[in-house]
Amino acid sequence: MGRTLLSPREIENKDLHIGKILIFCEGSTEENYFDFFKKKIKDKFSNIVIETQRVGSNARAVLNYAEDFLSKDHNMTEYSTYEKYLAFDCDAPDDILKVIEDAKGSDNNYILLISSLLFECWLLMHLEDVEAQPLRKSEISIKLENHLDLLDYEKHKDDEGLIAKIIKGDSNLKYAIDNAKKLKHSYEQSGKGIEKIIKEKLPYSLMFDLVEQLAIAASK
């Protein structure tokens, strides 16, 4: 039997709450991340379907693309029973808070998988204990380079094999999920909302909300 993403103890008594999901994301790194789970889950469940639309650019582009995509009758019909997710970074555009507000107010009932500053903060959580302290983009890249033995993370960020190297097995994935939950709880306890998190360049990610379910499915 192949190695599971979560240990039997972790998936014991945990129910699956995902079915068909449609994810709109910024770039190929995010797409590769979701595709990693898609391949693990494929053929295990007939009722779990993962579809990813890679958009590029920034958070506003992701939202605009999703709104346009779902405004087309054939797409709305095809994906009417899908849960719809938006995965984007909080570093751009300048009106990112308005983007988040607009996304939450959409009739398409999106579930947000936002990361501050970057999706790479979520990746870093797989590899070390990321604390509630400001992080610069360059610092995140350097940390990933050190952990992954890379000379230039930006040159390799789109490599398909990089995600498997980051996730590895159950320990790294559980580490990321626990780390993200801990940060979220810490901010809630200190009264920091998403506005302060973004303004202060604090690490944060809601990716764990979906990824934990994907990991459970992949481990069944």
N, C-alpha and C. Protein backbone atom coordinates (compact mmCIF):
# COMPACT_ATOMS: atom_id res chain seq x y z
N MET A 1 0.85 -1.20 0.00
CA MET A 1 0.00 0.00 0.00
C MET A 1 0.88 1.24 0.00
N GLY A 2 0.55 2.24 -0.84
CA GLY A 2 1.33 3.46 -0.90
C GLY A 2 1.13 4.30 0.35
N ARG A 3 2.05 5.19 0.53
CA ARG A 3 1.99 6.06 1.70
C ARG A 3 0.83 7.03 1.59
N THR A 4 0.08 7.15 2.66
CA THR A 4 -1.06 8.07 2.65
C THR A 4 -0.61 9.47 3.04
N LEU A 5 -1.44 10.44 2.76
CA LEU A 5 -1.10 11.82 3.07
C LEU A 5 -1.35 12.17 4.53
N LEU A 6 -2.32 11.51 5.13
CA LEU A 6 -2.57 11.65 6.56
C LEU A 6 -2.58 10.26 7.17
N SER A 7 -2.19 10.17 8.40
CA SER A 7 -2.11 8.88 9.06
C SER A 7 -3.51 8.33 9.35
N PRO A 8 -3.64 7.01 9.48
CA PRO A 8 -4.96 6.43 9.80
C PRO A 8 -5.60 7.04 11.03
N ARG A 9 -4.80 7.39 12.02
CA ARG A 9 -5.34 8.00 13.23
C ARG A 9 -5.97 9.36 12.93
N GLU A 10 -5.35 10.10 12.01
CA GLU A 10 -5.85 11.43 11.69
C GLU A 10 -7.13 11.41 10.87
N ILE A 11 -7.31 10.37 10.07
CA ILE A 11 -8.52 10.32 9.24
C ILE A 11 -9.64 9.51 9.89
N GLU A 12 -9.30 8.84 11.01
CA GLU A 12 -10.31 8.06 11.72
C GLU A 12 -11.41 8.99 12.24
N ASN A 13 -12.65 8.59 11.99
CA ASN A 13 -13.83 9.33 12.46
C ASN A 13 -13.99 10.70 11.81
N LYS A 14 -13.24 10.96 10.71
CA LYS A 14 -13.41 12.23 10.01
C LYS A 14 -14.20 11.98 8.73
N ASP A 15 -15.30 12.70 8.59
CA ASP A 15 -16.14 12.55 7.41
C ASP A 15 -15.67 13.48 6.30
N LEU A 16 -15.90 13.05 5.07
CA LEU A 16 -15.60 13.88 3.92
C LEU A 16 -16.76 14.83 3.65
N HIS A 17 -16.43 16.07 3.36
CA HIS A 17 -17.48 17.06 3.10
C HIS A 17 -17.30 17.69 1.72
N ILE A 18 -16.46 17.10 0.88
CA ILE A 18 -16.28 17.65 -0.46
C ILE A 18 -16.89 16.72 -1.49
N GLY A 19 -17.30 17.31 -2.57
CA GLY A 19 -17.81 16.54 -3.69
C GLY A 19 -17.20 17.10 -4.95
N LYS A 20 -18.00 17.76 -5.75
CA LYS A 20 -17.49 18.39 -6.96
C LYS A 20 -17.07 19.82 -6.65
N ILE A 21 -15.83 20.14 -7.00
CA ILE A 21 -15.32 21.48 -6.69
C ILE A 21 -14.68 22.10 -7.92
N LEU A 22 -14.84 23.40 -8.04
CA LEU A 22 -14.27 24.19 -9.12
C LEU A 22 -13.40 25.26 -8.47
N ILE A 23 -12.12 25.27 -8.84
CA ILE A 23 -11.16 26.18 -8.22
C ILE A 23 -10.61 27.15 -9.26
N PHE A 24 -10.74 28.43 -9.00
CA PHE A 24 -10.11 29.46 -9.82
C PHE A 24 -8.87 29.93 -9.08
N CYS A 25 -7.71 29.88 -9.71
CA CYS A 25 -6.48 30.25 -9.02
C CYS A 25 -5.60 31.11 -9.92
N GLU A 26 -4.57 31.71 -9.32
CA GLU A 26 -3.73 32.67 -10.05
C GLU A 26 -2.77 32.01 -11.03
N GLY A 27 -1.92 31.12 -10.55
CA GLY A 27 -0.83 30.64 -11.38
C GLY A 27 -0.63 29.15 -11.40
N SER A 28 0.44 28.73 -12.08
CA SER A 28 0.70 27.30 -12.26
C SER A 28 1.15 26.63 -10.97
N THR A 29 1.76 27.38 -10.05
CA THR A 29 2.16 26.78 -8.77
C THR A 29 0.93 26.29 -8.02
N GLU A 30 -0.08 27.14 -7.96
CA GLU A 30 -1.33 26.75 -7.31
C GLU A 30 -2.01 25.61 -8.06
N GLU A 31 -2.02 25.71 -9.38
CA GLU A 31 -2.64 24.66 -10.18
C GLU A 31 -1.93 23.32 -9.96
N ASN A 32 -0.61 23.34 -9.93
CA ASN A 32 0.16 22.11 -9.67
C ASN A 32 -0.17 21.53 -8.30
N TYR A 33 -0.39 22.42 -7.34
CA TYR A 33 -0.70 21.98 -5.98
C TYR A 33 -2.04 21.23 -5.96
N PHE A 34 -3.05 21.81 -6.58
CA PHE A 34 -4.37 21.16 -6.61
C PHE A 34 -4.33 19.89 -7.47
N ASP A 35 -3.55 19.93 -8.55
CA ASP A 35 -3.45 18.76 -9.42
C ASP A 35 -2.79 17.58 -8.69
N PHE A 36 -1.92 17.88 -7.73
CA PHE A 36 -1.30 16.82 -6.93
C PHE A 36 -2.38 15.99 -6.24
N PHE A 37 -3.36 16.67 -5.66
CA PHE A 37 -4.45 15.97 -4.98
C PHE A 37 -5.41 15.33 -5.98
N LYS A 38 -5.62 16.02 -7.07
CA LYS A 38 -6.51 15.49 -8.11
C LYS A 38 -6.03 14.12 -8.58
N LYS A 39 -4.73 13.99 -8.76
CA LYS A 39 -4.16 12.70 -9.20
C LYS A 39 -4.28 11.65 -8.10
N LYS A 40 -4.14 12.06 -6.86
CA LYS A 40 -4.23 11.12 -5.74
C LYS A 40 -5.65 10.61 -5.55
N ILE A 41 -6.62 11.48 -5.81
CA ILE A 41 -8.02 11.14 -5.56
C ILE A 41 -8.67 10.44 -6.75
N LYS A 42 -8.16 10.72 -7.94
CA LYS A 42 -8.74 10.15 -9.16
C LYS A 42 -8.89 8.64 -9.04
N ASP A 43 -10.02 8.14 -9.46
CA ASP A 43 -10.36 6.71 -9.45
C ASP A 43 -10.73 6.17 -8.07
N LYS A 44 -10.56 6.99 -7.02
CA LYS A 44 -10.96 6.55 -5.67
C LYS A 44 -12.42 6.84 -5.40
N PHE A 45 -12.87 7.98 -5.89
CA PHE A 45 -14.24 8.42 -5.62
C PHE A 45 -14.89 8.89 -6.91
N SER A 46 -16.07 8.40 -7.17
CA SER A 46 -16.80 8.87 -8.36
C SER A 46 -17.52 10.18 -8.08
N ASN A 47 -17.70 10.50 -6.81
CA ASN A 47 -18.46 11.70 -6.44
C ASN A 47 -17.56 12.90 -6.14
N ILE A 48 -16.23 12.72 -6.18
CA ILE A 48 -15.31 13.83 -5.94
C ILE A 48 -14.65 14.20 -7.27
N VAL A 49 -14.89 15.43 -7.68
CA VAL A 49 -14.35 15.92 -8.94
C VAL A 49 -13.67 17.26 -8.67
N ILE A 50 -12.44 17.40 -9.15
CA ILE A 50 -11.70 18.66 -8.98
C ILE A 50 -11.42 19.25 -10.35
N GLU A 51 -11.93 20.44 -10.58
CA GLU A 51 -11.66 21.15 -11.83
C GLU A 51 -10.96 22.46 -11.47
N THR A 52 -9.87 22.76 -12.18
CA THR A 52 -9.09 23.96 -11.88
C THR A 52 -9.01 24.87 -13.10
N GLN A 53 -9.27 26.13 -12.89
CA GLN A 53 -9.12 27.15 -13.92
C GLN A 53 -7.99 28.07 -13.52
N ARG A 54 -6.87 28.02 -14.28
CA ARG A 54 -5.73 28.90 -13.96
C ARG A 54 -5.89 30.22 -14.70
N VAL A 55 -5.81 31.31 -13.95
CA VAL A 55 -6.13 32.62 -14.49
C VAL A 55 -4.91 33.49 -14.71
N GLY A 56 -3.97 33.48 -13.76
CA GLY A 56 -2.81 34.36 -13.85
C GLY A 56 -3.11 35.74 -13.28
N SER A 57 -2.10 36.61 -13.33
CA SER A 57 -2.20 38.01 -12.93
C SER A 57 -2.37 38.17 -11.42
N ASN A 58 -3.54 38.67 -10.94
CA ASN A 58 -3.70 38.95 -9.52
C ASN A 58 -5.11 38.61 -9.05
N ALA A 59 -5.40 38.99 -7.81
CA ALA A 59 -6.68 38.61 -7.19
C ALA A 59 -7.88 39.15 -7.97
N ARG A 60 -7.80 40.40 -8.42
CA ARG A 60 -8.91 40.97 -9.17
C ARG A 60 -9.14 40.20 -10.47
N ALA A 61 -8.06 39.80 -11.12
CA ALA A 61 -8.17 39.04 -12.36
C ALA A 61 -8.84 37.69 -12.11
N VAL A 62 -8.52 37.07 -10.98
CA VAL A 62 -9.13 35.79 -10.64
C VAL A 62 -10.63 35.95 -10.45
N LEU A 63 -11.02 36.97 -9.69
CA LEU A 63 -12.45 37.20 -9.45
C LEU A 63 -13.17 37.55 -10.75
N ASN A 64 -12.59 38.46 -11.53
CA ASN A 64 -13.24 38.85 -12.78
C ASN A 64 -13.40 37.67 -13.74
N TYR A 65 -12.37 36.84 -13.82
CA TYR A 65 -12.44 35.67 -14.70
C TYR A 65 -13.54 34.73 -14.23
N ALA A 66 -13.59 34.48 -12.93
CA ALA A 66 -14.60 33.57 -12.38
C ALA A 66 -16.00 34.10 -12.64
N GLU A 67 -16.20 35.39 -12.44
CA GLU A 67 -17.51 35.99 -12.66
C GLU A 67 -17.92 35.87 -14.13
N ASP A 68 -16.97 36.14 -15.02
CA ASP A 68 -17.26 36.04 -16.45
C ASP A 68 -17.51 34.60 -16.87
N PHE A 69 -16.69 33.69 -16.37
CA PHE A 69 -16.81 32.26 -16.68
C PHE A 69 -18.18 31.73 -16.28
N LEU A 70 -18.62 32.10 -15.10
CA LEU A 70 -19.88 31.57 -14.59
C LEU A 70 -21.10 32.36 -15.09
N SER A 71 -20.86 33.46 -15.78
CA SER A 71 -21.98 34.20 -16.37
C SER A 71 -22.45 33.55 -17.66
N LYS A 72 -21.62 32.65 -18.21
CA LYS A 72 -21.98 31.96 -19.44
C LYS A 72 -22.90 30.78 -19.10
N ASP A 73 -24.01 30.71 -19.78
CA ASP A 73 -25.04 29.72 -19.46
C ASP A 73 -24.52 28.29 -19.46
N HIS A 74 -23.70 27.94 -20.44
CA HIS A 74 -23.23 26.55 -20.52
C HIS A 74 -22.31 26.19 -19.35
N ASN A 75 -21.53 27.18 -18.88
CA ASN A 75 -20.66 26.93 -17.73
C ASN A 75 -21.47 26.84 -16.44
N MET A 76 -22.41 27.73 -16.28
CA MET A 76 -23.24 27.71 -15.08
C MET A 76 -24.04 26.42 -14.99
N THR A 77 -24.50 25.94 -16.13
CA THR A 77 -25.23 24.67 -16.14
C THR A 77 -24.30 23.51 -15.78
N GLU A 78 -23.13 23.49 -16.40
CA GLU A 78 -22.18 22.39 -16.16
C GLU A 78 -21.70 22.35 -14.72
N TYR A 79 -21.49 23.53 -14.12
CA TYR A 79 -20.90 23.60 -12.78
C TYR A 79 -21.90 24.02 -11.70
N SER A 80 -23.16 23.87 -11.98
CA SER A 80 -24.19 24.33 -11.03
C SER A 80 -24.12 23.61 -9.69
N THR A 81 -23.69 22.35 -9.68
CA THR A 81 -23.64 21.58 -8.43
C THR A 81 -22.25 21.61 -7.78
N TYR A 82 -21.33 22.35 -8.35
CA TYR A 82 -19.96 22.42 -7.83
C TYR A 82 -19.84 23.49 -6.74
N GLU A 83 -19.02 23.19 -5.72
CA GLU A 83 -18.59 24.24 -4.80
C GLU A 83 -17.54 25.06 -5.54
N LYS A 84 -17.58 26.37 -5.41
CA LYS A 84 -16.70 27.24 -6.19
C LYS A 84 -15.72 27.97 -5.27
N TYR A 85 -14.43 27.77 -5.55
CA TYR A 85 -13.37 28.33 -4.72
C TYR A 85 -12.56 29.36 -5.51
N LEU A 86 -12.12 30.39 -4.81
CA LEU A 86 -11.18 31.36 -5.36
C LEU A 86 -9.90 31.27 -4.54
N ALA A 87 -8.79 30.97 -5.20
CA ALA A 87 -7.49 30.91 -4.52
C ALA A 87 -6.62 32.04 -5.05
N PHE A 88 -6.30 33.01 -4.19
CA PHE A 88 -5.45 34.11 -4.65
C PHE A 88 -4.62 34.69 -3.51
N ASP A 89 -3.57 35.43 -3.93
CA ASP A 89 -2.68 36.08 -2.98
C ASP A 89 -3.25 37.43 -2.54
N CYS A 90 -2.66 37.98 -1.49
CA CYS A 90 -3.13 39.28 -0.99
C CYS A 90 -2.13 40.40 -1.24
N ASP A 91 -1.16 40.18 -2.13
CA ASP A 91 -0.15 41.21 -2.39
C ASP A 91 -0.57 42.19 -3.48
N ALA A 92 -1.59 41.83 -4.26
CA ALA A 92 -2.05 42.70 -5.34
C ALA A 92 -3.47 42.31 -5.73
N PRO A 93 -4.23 43.30 -6.25
CA PRO A 93 -3.89 44.70 -6.52
C PRO A 93 -3.96 45.55 -5.25
N ASP A 94 -3.81 46.87 -5.44
CA ASP A 94 -3.82 47.77 -4.28
C ASP A 94 -5.15 47.76 -3.54
N ASP A 95 -6.22 47.48 -4.25
CA ASP A 95 -7.55 47.44 -3.61
C ASP A 95 -7.95 46.01 -3.25
N ILE A 96 -7.00 45.24 -2.75
CA ILE A 96 -7.23 43.83 -2.44
C ILE A 96 -8.39 43.64 -1.48
N LEU A 97 -8.56 44.55 -0.52
CA LEU A 97 -9.67 44.43 0.43
C LEU A 97 -11.02 44.55 -0.28
N LYS A 98 -11.06 45.39 -1.30
CA LYS A 98 -12.29 45.54 -2.09
C LYS A 98 -12.54 44.27 -2.90
N VAL A 99 -11.47 43.65 -3.39
CA VAL A 99 -11.61 42.38 -4.12
C VAL A 99 -12.22 41.32 -3.21
N ILE A 100 -11.71 41.23 -1.99
CA ILE A 100 -12.22 40.25 -1.03
C ILE A 100 -13.69 40.54 -0.72
N GLU A 101 -14.02 41.82 -0.54
CA GLU A 101 -15.41 42.22 -0.27
C GLU A 101 -16.31 41.84 -1.44
N ASP A 102 -15.86 42.12 -2.65
CA ASP A 102 -16.65 41.81 -3.84
C ASP A 102 -16.84 40.30 -4.00
N ALA A 103 -15.78 39.55 -3.71
CA ALA A 103 -15.86 38.09 -3.83
C ALA A 103 -16.88 37.52 -2.84
N LYS A 104 -16.85 38.05 -1.63
CA LYS A 104 -17.79 37.59 -0.61
C LYS A 104 -19.23 37.98 -0.94
N GLY A 105 -19.39 39.07 -1.68
CA GLY A 105 -20.73 39.53 -2.01
C GLY A 105 -21.29 38.96 -3.29
N SER A 106 -20.51 38.15 -3.99
CA SER A 106 -20.96 37.61 -5.27
C SER A 106 -22.10 36.61 -5.08
N ASP A 107 -22.99 36.57 -6.04
CA ASP A 107 -24.09 35.60 -6.03
C ASP A 107 -23.60 34.18 -6.27
N ASN A 108 -22.34 34.03 -6.66
CA ASN A 108 -21.80 32.69 -6.93
C ASN A 108 -21.33 31.97 -5.67
N ASN A 109 -21.44 32.64 -4.53
CA ASN A 109 -21.15 32.01 -3.23
C ASN A 109 -19.76 31.36 -3.19
N TYR A 110 -18.76 32.14 -3.54
CA TYR A 110 -17.40 31.61 -3.53
C TYR A 110 -16.92 31.31 -2.11
N ILE A 111 -16.08 30.30 -2.01
CA ILE A 111 -15.33 30.03 -0.79
C ILE A 111 -13.92 30.52 -1.05
N LEU A 112 -13.40 31.38 -0.18
CA LEU A 112 -12.10 32.01 -0.43
C LEU A 112 -10.96 31.21 0.19
N LEU A 113 -9.93 30.99 -0.62
CA LEU A 113 -8.70 30.33 -0.17
C LEU A 113 -7.58 31.35 -0.33
N ILE A 114 -7.61 32.40 0.47
CA ILE A 114 -6.65 33.48 0.31
C ILE A 114 -5.40 33.23 1.14
N SER A 115 -4.27 33.75 0.64
CA SER A 115 -3.00 33.61 1.33
C SER A 115 -2.30 34.97 1.40
N SER A 116 -1.74 35.27 2.54
CA SER A 116 -0.97 36.49 2.72
C SER A 116 0.45 36.10 3.12
N LEU A 117 1.45 36.73 2.58
CA LEU A 117 1.37 37.62 1.44
C LEU A 117 1.07 36.87 0.15
N LEU A 118 1.63 35.67 0.10
CA LEU A 118 1.63 34.88 -1.12
C LEU A 118 1.21 33.44 -0.84
N PHE A 119 0.87 32.74 -1.90
CA PHE A 119 0.63 31.31 -1.81
C PHE A 119 1.86 30.59 -1.24
N GLU A 120 3.03 31.16 -1.51
CA GLU A 120 4.27 30.56 -1.00
C GLU A 120 4.35 30.54 0.52
N CYS A 121 3.59 31.42 1.18
CA CYS A 121 3.53 31.34 2.65
C CYS A 121 2.92 30.01 3.08
N TRP A 122 1.90 29.59 2.35
CA TRP A 122 1.28 28.29 2.63
C TRP A 122 2.28 27.17 2.36
N LEU A 123 3.03 27.26 1.28
CA LEU A 123 4.03 26.23 0.98
C LEU A 123 5.08 26.17 2.08
N LEU A 124 5.48 27.35 2.56
CA LEU A 124 6.50 27.40 3.61
C LEU A 124 6.02 26.74 4.89
N MET A 125 4.73 26.79 5.14
CA MET A 125 4.18 26.17 6.34
C MET A 125 4.36 24.65 6.35
N HIS A 126 4.58 24.06 5.18
CA HIS A 126 4.84 22.62 5.11
C HIS A 126 6.24 22.29 5.64
N LEU A 127 7.10 23.29 5.66
CA LEU A 127 8.53 23.05 5.87
C LEU A 127 9.09 23.61 7.16
N GLU A 128 8.40 24.59 7.75
CA GLU A 128 8.87 25.14 9.01
C GLU A 128 7.70 25.76 9.76
N ASP A 129 7.94 26.05 11.03
CA ASP A 129 6.92 26.68 11.86
C ASP A 129 6.91 28.17 11.55
N VAL A 130 5.97 28.59 10.74
CA VAL A 130 5.86 29.99 10.37
C VAL A 130 5.12 30.74 11.47
N GLU A 131 5.76 31.76 12.01
CA GLU A 131 5.20 32.50 13.13
C GLU A 131 4.47 33.76 12.67
N ALA A 132 3.70 34.32 13.56
CA ALA A 132 2.89 35.51 13.27
C ALA A 132 3.74 36.76 13.29
N GLN A 133 4.70 36.82 12.38
CA GLN A 133 5.59 37.96 12.26
C GLN A 133 5.68 38.37 10.80
N PRO A 134 5.91 39.66 10.53
CA PRO A 134 5.97 40.13 9.14
C PRO A 134 7.01 39.37 8.32
N LEU A 135 6.66 39.11 7.05
CA LEU A 135 7.56 38.43 6.13
C LEU A 135 7.65 39.22 4.82
N ARG A 136 8.85 39.35 4.29
CA ARG A 136 9.02 39.95 2.98
C ARG A 136 9.01 38.85 1.92
N LYS A 137 8.64 39.24 0.69
CA LYS A 137 8.59 38.26 -0.39
C LYS A 137 9.94 37.61 -0.60
N SER A 138 10.99 38.43 -0.58
CA SER A 138 12.34 37.90 -0.80
C SER A 138 12.73 36.91 0.29
N GLU A 139 12.28 37.19 1.50
CA GLU A 139 12.59 36.31 2.64
C GLU A 139 11.91 34.95 2.47
N ILE A 140 10.68 34.97 1.97
CA ILE A 140 9.95 33.72 1.73
C ILE A 140 10.67 32.87 0.69
N SER A 141 11.10 33.51 -0.39
CA SER A 141 11.82 32.80 -1.45
C SER A 141 13.11 32.18 -0.94
N ILE A 142 13.85 32.94 -0.14
CA ILE A 142 15.12 32.45 0.40
C ILE A 142 14.89 31.25 1.31
N LYS A 143 13.86 31.32 2.13
CA LYS A 143 13.55 30.20 3.02
C LYS A 143 13.20 28.94 2.22
N LEU A 144 12.41 29.11 1.16
CA LEU A 144 12.05 27.96 0.32
C LEU A 144 13.28 27.40 -0.39
N GLU A 145 14.14 28.28 -0.85
CA GLU A 145 15.38 27.83 -1.51
C GLU A 145 16.23 27.01 -0.56
N ASN A 146 16.34 27.43 0.68
CA ASN A 146 17.14 26.70 1.67
C ASN A 146 16.54 25.34 1.98
N HIS A 147 15.23 25.29 2.13
CA HIS A 147 14.58 24.02 2.45
C HIS A 147 14.62 23.04 1.28
N LEU A 148 14.52 23.57 0.06
CA LEU A 148 14.39 22.71 -1.13
C LEU A 148 15.69 22.56 -1.90
N ASP A 149 16.76 23.15 -1.36
CA ASP A 149 18.08 23.08 -2.00
C ASP A 149 18.02 23.62 -3.43
N LEU A 150 17.49 24.82 -3.57
CA LEU A 150 17.37 25.48 -4.86
C LEU A 150 18.22 26.75 -4.87
N LEU A 151 18.77 27.07 -6.03
CA LEU A 151 19.52 28.31 -6.16
C LEU A 151 18.59 29.49 -6.41
N ASP A 152 17.48 29.24 -7.10
CA ASP A 152 16.55 30.30 -7.44
C ASP A 152 15.14 29.72 -7.46
N TYR A 153 14.37 30.00 -6.42
CA TYR A 153 13.01 29.46 -6.33
C TYR A 153 12.16 29.89 -7.51
N GLU A 154 12.27 31.16 -7.93
CA GLU A 154 11.43 31.68 -8.99
C GLU A 154 11.59 30.90 -10.29
N LYS A 155 12.78 30.38 -10.53
CA LYS A 155 13.03 29.62 -11.76
C LYS A 155 12.41 28.23 -11.71
N HIS A 156 12.11 27.76 -10.52
CA HIS A 156 11.62 26.38 -10.36
C HIS A 156 10.19 26.31 -9.82
N LYS A 157 9.58 27.45 -9.54
CA LYS A 157 8.28 27.46 -8.86
C LYS A 157 7.19 26.75 -9.66
N ASP A 158 7.35 26.69 -10.98
CA ASP A 158 6.33 26.05 -11.81
C ASP A 158 6.62 24.59 -12.11
N ASP A 159 7.73 24.07 -11.60
CA ASP A 159 8.06 22.66 -11.83
C ASP A 159 7.02 21.76 -11.18
N GLU A 160 6.48 20.82 -11.93
CA GLU A 160 5.43 19.94 -11.40
C GLU A 160 5.92 19.12 -10.21
N GLY A 161 7.17 18.69 -10.24
CA GLY A 161 7.68 17.83 -9.16
C GLY A 161 7.94 18.57 -7.87
N LEU A 162 7.93 19.91 -7.91
CA LEU A 162 8.24 20.68 -6.71
C LEU A 162 7.20 20.50 -5.62
N ILE A 163 5.93 20.42 -6.01
CA ILE A 163 4.87 20.27 -5.02
C ILE A 163 5.00 18.94 -4.28
N ALA A 164 5.27 17.87 -5.00
CA ALA A 164 5.45 16.57 -4.35
C ALA A 164 6.62 16.61 -3.37
N LYS A 165 7.65 17.34 -3.73
CA LYS A 165 8.83 17.47 -2.85
C LYS A 165 8.47 18.23 -1.58
N ILE A 166 7.59 19.22 -1.71
CA ILE A 166 7.18 20.02 -0.55
C ILE A 166 6.23 19.24 0.36
N ILE A 167 5.27 18.56 -0.25
CA ILE A 167 4.28 17.83 0.55
C ILE A 167 4.88 16.56 1.15
N LYS A 168 5.67 15.84 0.37
CA LYS A 168 6.32 14.59 0.78
C LYS A 168 5.32 13.55 1.24
N GLY A 169 4.91 13.63 2.46
CA GLY A 169 4.00 12.64 3.02
C GLY A 169 3.18 13.25 4.14
N ASP A 170 2.74 12.41 5.06
CA ASP A 170 1.80 12.89 6.07
C ASP A 170 2.35 13.98 6.99
N SER A 171 3.64 13.91 7.34
CA SER A 171 4.15 14.85 8.33
C SER A 171 4.15 16.29 7.83
N ASN A 172 4.61 16.54 6.61
CA ASN A 172 4.67 17.90 6.09
C ASN A 172 3.28 18.50 5.91
N LEU A 173 2.35 17.71 5.41
CA LEU A 173 1.01 18.22 5.17
C LEU A 173 0.30 18.55 6.48
N LYS A 174 0.42 17.66 7.44
CA LYS A 174 -0.19 17.92 8.76
C LYS A 174 0.45 19.15 9.40
N TYR A 175 1.76 19.30 9.19
CA TYR A 175 2.49 20.45 9.73
C TYR A 175 1.89 21.75 9.18
N ALA A 176 1.63 21.78 7.86
CA ALA A 176 1.09 22.98 7.23
C ALA A 176 -0.32 23.28 7.73
N ILE A 177 -1.14 22.25 7.80
CA ILE A 177 -2.53 22.43 8.25
C ILE A 177 -2.56 22.97 9.68
N ASP A 178 -1.77 22.36 10.55
CA ASP A 178 -1.72 22.79 11.95
C ASP A 178 -1.16 24.21 12.07
N ASN A 179 -0.13 24.50 11.27
CA ASN A 179 0.50 25.82 11.31
C ASN A 179 -0.50 26.91 10.91
N ALA A 180 -1.24 26.66 9.82
CA ALA A 180 -2.22 27.65 9.33
C ALA A 180 -3.35 27.85 10.34
N LYS A 181 -3.80 26.77 10.94
CA LYS A 181 -4.85 26.87 11.96
C LYS A 181 -4.36 27.66 13.17
N LYS A 182 -3.12 27.41 13.56
CA LYS A 182 -2.55 28.10 14.72
C LYS A 182 -2.45 29.60 14.46
N LEU A 183 -2.01 29.97 13.25
CA LEU A 183 -1.90 31.39 12.91
C LEU A 183 -3.28 32.05 12.90
N LYS A 184 -4.24 31.38 12.31
CA LYS A 184 -5.60 31.93 12.25
C LYS A 184 -6.14 32.16 13.66
N HIS A 185 -5.94 31.20 14.53
CA HIS A 185 -6.40 31.32 15.92
C HIS A 185 -5.67 32.46 16.63
N SER A 186 -4.37 32.59 16.37
CA SER A 186 -3.58 33.65 17.00
C SER A 186 -4.09 35.03 16.61
N TYR A 187 -4.40 35.21 15.33
CA TYR A 187 -4.91 36.50 14.86
C TYR A 187 -6.29 36.79 15.43
N GLU A 188 -7.10 35.77 15.51
CA GLU A 188 -8.44 35.95 16.08
C GLU A 188 -8.35 36.35 17.54
N GLN A 189 -7.45 35.72 18.27
CA GLN A 189 -7.28 36.03 19.69
C GLN A 189 -6.77 37.45 19.92
N SER A 190 -5.93 37.92 18.98
CA SER A 190 -5.35 39.26 19.14
C SER A 190 -6.18 40.34 18.45
N GLY A 191 -7.32 39.94 17.86
CA GLY A 191 -8.21 40.90 17.22
C GLY A 191 -7.74 41.40 15.87
N LYS A 192 -6.84 40.68 15.23
CA LYS A 192 -6.34 41.08 13.92
C LYS A 192 -7.22 40.49 12.83
N GLY A 193 -7.87 41.35 12.07
CA GLY A 193 -8.65 40.91 10.93
C GLY A 193 -7.80 40.89 9.68
N ILE A 194 -8.40 40.55 8.55
CA ILE A 194 -7.64 40.41 7.32
C ILE A 194 -6.99 41.73 6.90
N GLU A 195 -7.62 42.87 7.21
CA GLU A 195 -7.04 44.17 6.85
C GLU A 195 -5.69 44.37 7.51
N LYS A 196 -5.61 44.09 8.82
CA LYS A 196 -4.34 44.25 9.53
C LYS A 196 -3.32 43.21 9.10
N ILE A 197 -3.79 42.00 8.83
CA ILE A 197 -2.88 40.93 8.39
C ILE A 197 -2.20 41.33 7.10
N ILE A 198 -2.97 41.86 6.16
CA ILE A 198 -2.41 42.28 4.88
C ILE A 198 -1.51 43.49 5.05
N LYS A 199 -1.99 44.49 5.80
CA LYS A 199 -1.23 45.73 5.98
C LYS A 199 0.11 45.46 6.65
N GLU A 200 0.13 44.56 7.62
CA GLU A 200 1.35 44.28 8.36
C GLU A 200 2.20 43.18 7.72
N LYS A 201 1.75 42.68 6.54
CA LYS A 201 2.49 41.65 5.80
C LYS A 201 2.72 40.41 6.66
N LEU A 202 1.67 39.98 7.31
CA LEU A 202 1.74 38.80 8.17
C LEU A 202 1.40 37.54 7.38
N PRO A 203 2.02 36.41 7.70
CA PRO A 203 1.71 35.15 7.02
C PRO A 203 0.34 34.63 7.43
N TYR A 204 -0.40 34.14 6.43
CA TYR A 204 -1.77 33.71 6.69
C TYR A 204 -2.25 32.92 5.49
N SER A 205 -3.02 31.89 5.73
CA SER A 205 -3.60 31.15 4.61
C SER A 205 -4.84 30.39 5.05
N LEU A 206 -5.85 30.42 4.20
CA LEU A 206 -7.06 29.64 4.43
C LEU A 206 -7.05 28.35 3.60
N MET A 207 -5.92 28.05 2.98
CA MET A 207 -5.81 26.85 2.16
C MET A 207 -6.14 25.58 2.96
N PHE A 208 -5.84 25.59 4.24
CA PHE A 208 -6.03 24.40 5.06
C PHE A 208 -7.48 23.93 5.07
N ASP A 209 -8.39 24.88 4.88
CA ASP A 209 -9.82 24.55 4.97
C ASP A 209 -10.22 23.51 3.93
N LEU A 210 -9.70 23.64 2.71
CA LEU A 210 -9.97 22.67 1.65
C LEU A 210 -8.96 21.54 1.65
N VAL A 211 -7.70 21.88 1.87
CA VAL A 211 -6.63 20.88 1.75
C VAL A 211 -6.79 19.74 2.75
N GLU A 212 -7.26 20.04 3.94
CA GLU A 212 -7.46 18.97 4.91
C GLU A 212 -8.46 17.95 4.38
N GLN A 213 -9.52 18.43 3.73
CA GLN A 213 -10.50 17.52 3.14
C GLN A 213 -9.91 16.74 1.97
N LEU A 214 -9.11 17.40 1.14
CA LEU A 214 -8.46 16.73 0.03
C LEU A 214 -7.52 15.64 0.54
N ALA A 215 -6.80 15.95 1.61
CA ALA A 215 -5.87 14.98 2.18
C ALA A 215 -6.59 13.77 2.75
N ILE A 216 -7.73 14.00 3.39
CA ILE A 216 -8.52 12.90 3.92
C ILE A 216 -8.97 12.00 2.78
N ALA A 217 -9.46 12.61 1.70
CA ALA A 217 -9.91 11.84 0.55
C ALA A 217 -8.79 11.03 -0.07
N ALA A 218 -7.61 11.66 -0.18
CA ALA A 218 -6.46 10.98 -0.78
C ALA A 218 -5.92 9.85 0.09
N SER A 219 -6.25 9.90 1.38
CA SER A 219 -5.72 8.92 2.33
C SER A 219 -6.69 7.76 2.59
N LYS A 220 -7.91 7.90 2.10
CA LYS A 220 -8.91 6.86 2.35
C LYS A 220 -8.53 5.56 1.61
